[in-house]
Amino acid sequence: MSDIKTKAQGLDANVQPRDVLEMVKETGNIYETISIISKRARQISSDLKWEIQRKLEEFAVNTDTIEEVQENKEQIEISKFYERLPNTAIIATQEYLQNDVQWRFVENKD
């Protein structure tokens, strides 16, 4: 998971135009390419969500009163770090273009 964060930190968080022909080179079909990228983006999103929840649980306080809200600078910094990461679709697209994503097609046997 930390590998994902290091890859994502160097990426531009803005959406950029992509060459469709370059993206379709491996699969031959734009819809299959988009499906591969979207599935990888969901995996990354799930991993990052699990990781941030695990880190923020360390700061959880079990109190019954709503008035006692404490600000923790470390907790805020962790949240800001994850907010600054690019969208998972951007990360997944970059991984796909760098051939870092492995996939396989399962053929139906009728």
Protein backbone atom coordinates (compact mmCIF):
# COMPACT_ATOMS: atom_id res chain seq x y z
CA MET A 1 0.00 0.00 0.00
CA SER A 2 2.80 2.41 0.72
CA ASP A 3 3.96 1.67 -2.83
CA ILE A 4 0.71 3.15 -4.10
CA LYS A 5 1.24 6.28 -2.03
CA THR A 6 4.77 6.79 -3.33
CA LYS A 7 3.60 6.38 -6.93
CA ALA A 8 0.68 8.72 -6.37
CA GLN A 9 2.72 11.50 -4.78
CA GLY A 10 4.58 12.19 -7.99
CA LEU A 11 1.47 12.31 -10.17
CA ASP A 12 -0.32 15.42 -11.31
CA ALA A 13 -3.73 15.45 -9.64
CA ASN A 14 -5.35 17.13 -12.65
CA VAL A 15 -7.04 15.13 -15.38
CA GLN A 16 -4.98 15.03 -18.57
CA PRO A 17 -5.97 14.04 -22.10
CA ARG A 18 -4.73 10.58 -23.09
CA ASP A 19 -4.01 8.99 -26.45
CA VAL A 20 -6.78 6.45 -26.93
CA LEU A 21 -4.76 4.43 -29.45
CA GLU A 22 -1.95 4.03 -26.93
CA MET A 23 -4.39 2.87 -24.29
CA VAL A 24 -6.02 0.34 -26.62
CA LYS A 25 -2.72 -1.14 -27.77
CA GLU A 26 -2.78 -4.03 -25.27
CA THR A 27 -6.45 -4.98 -25.32
CA GLY A 28 -7.64 -3.88 -28.74
CA ASN A 29 -10.87 -2.59 -27.20
CA ILE A 30 -11.40 0.71 -25.38
CA TYR A 31 -14.20 -0.74 -23.24
CA GLU A 32 -11.99 -3.56 -21.97
CA THR A 33 -9.25 -1.03 -21.21
CA ILE A 34 -11.65 1.17 -19.26
CA SER A 35 -12.94 -1.88 -17.40
CA ILE A 36 -9.40 -2.87 -16.40
CA ILE A 37 -8.58 0.66 -15.23
CA SER A 38 -11.84 1.04 -13.28
CA LYS A 39 -11.38 -2.30 -11.50
CA ARG A 40 -7.85 -1.31 -10.52
CA ALA A 41 -9.10 2.10 -9.32
CA ARG A 42 -11.63 0.33 -7.07
CA GLN A 43 -8.84 -1.83 -5.63
CA ILE A 44 -6.68 1.21 -4.91
CA SER A 45 -9.62 3.06 -3.36
CA SER A 46 -10.43 0.11 -1.11
CA ASP A 47 -6.80 -0.24 -0.01
CA LEU A 48 -6.41 3.45 0.75
CA LYS A 49 -9.71 3.56 2.63
CA TRP A 50 -8.69 0.59 4.77
CA GLU A 51 -5.30 2.16 5.46
CA ILE A 52 -6.64 5.57 6.49
CA GLN A 53 -9.28 4.00 8.73
CA ARG A 54 -6.61 1.91 10.43
CA LYS A 55 -4.43 4.98 11.02
CA LEU A 56 -7.29 7.14 12.29
CA GLU A 57 -8.49 4.43 14.68
CA GLU A 58 -5.38 5.12 16.73
CA PHE A 59 -6.82 8.55 17.56
CA ALA A 60 -10.36 7.36 18.31
CA VAL A 61 -11.69 8.40 21.70
CA ASN A 62 -14.61 6.56 23.23
CA THR A 63 -16.69 9.27 24.86
CA ASP A 64 -20.43 9.66 25.02
CA THR A 65 -20.52 13.43 25.00
CA ILE A 66 -20.69 15.30 21.74
CA GLU A 67 -19.38 18.55 23.21
CA GLU A 68 -15.90 17.14 23.78
CA VAL A 69 -14.35 17.43 20.36
CA GLN A 70 -10.59 17.45 20.39
CA GLU A 71 -8.42 18.41 17.47
CA ASN A 72 -5.35 16.34 17.01
CA LYS A 73 -2.71 17.79 14.69
CA GLU A 74 -1.42 14.37 13.67
CA GLN A 75 -4.92 13.24 12.75
CA ILE A 76 -5.47 16.37 10.68
CA GLU A 77 -2.13 15.91 8.88
CA ILE A 78 -2.94 12.29 8.04
CA SER A 79 -6.33 13.32 6.64
CA LYS A 80 -4.81 16.14 4.60
CA PHE A 81 -2.17 13.79 3.17
CA TYR A 82 -4.83 11.40 1.85
CA GLU A 83 -6.95 14.28 0.55
CA ARG A 84 -4.01 15.57 -1.51
CA LEU A 85 -3.52 12.23 -3.27
CA PRO A 86 -4.77 12.14 -6.87
CA ASN A 87 -8.03 10.45 -7.73
CA THR A 88 -7.72 6.66 -7.83
CA ALA A 89 -8.74 6.62 -11.50
CA ILE A 90 -5.74 8.83 -12.31
CA ILE A 91 -3.44 6.51 -10.36
CA ALA A 92 -4.89 3.41 -12.06
CA THR A 93 -4.60 4.97 -15.53
CA GLN A 94 -0.95 5.81 -14.93
CA GLU A 95 -0.27 2.28 -13.69
CA TYR A 96 -1.98 0.87 -16.79
CA LEU A 97 0.04 3.05 -19.15
CA GLN A 98 3.28 2.00 -17.41
CA ASN A 99 2.29 -1.70 -17.69
CA ASP A 100 2.17 -2.07 -13.90
CA VAL A 101 -1.31 -3.65 -13.98
CA GLN A 102 -1.70 -7.35 -14.62
CA TRP A 103 -4.96 -8.76 -15.89
CA ARG A 104 -6.26 -11.84 -17.62
CA PHE A 105 -9.33 -12.64 -19.63
CA VAL A 106 -11.46 -15.57 -18.63
CA GLU A 107 -13.12 -17.12 -21.62
CA ASN A 108 -16.57 -18.60 -21.27
CA LYS A 109 -16.82 -22.26 -22.20
CA ASP A 110 -20.30 -22.86 -23.54
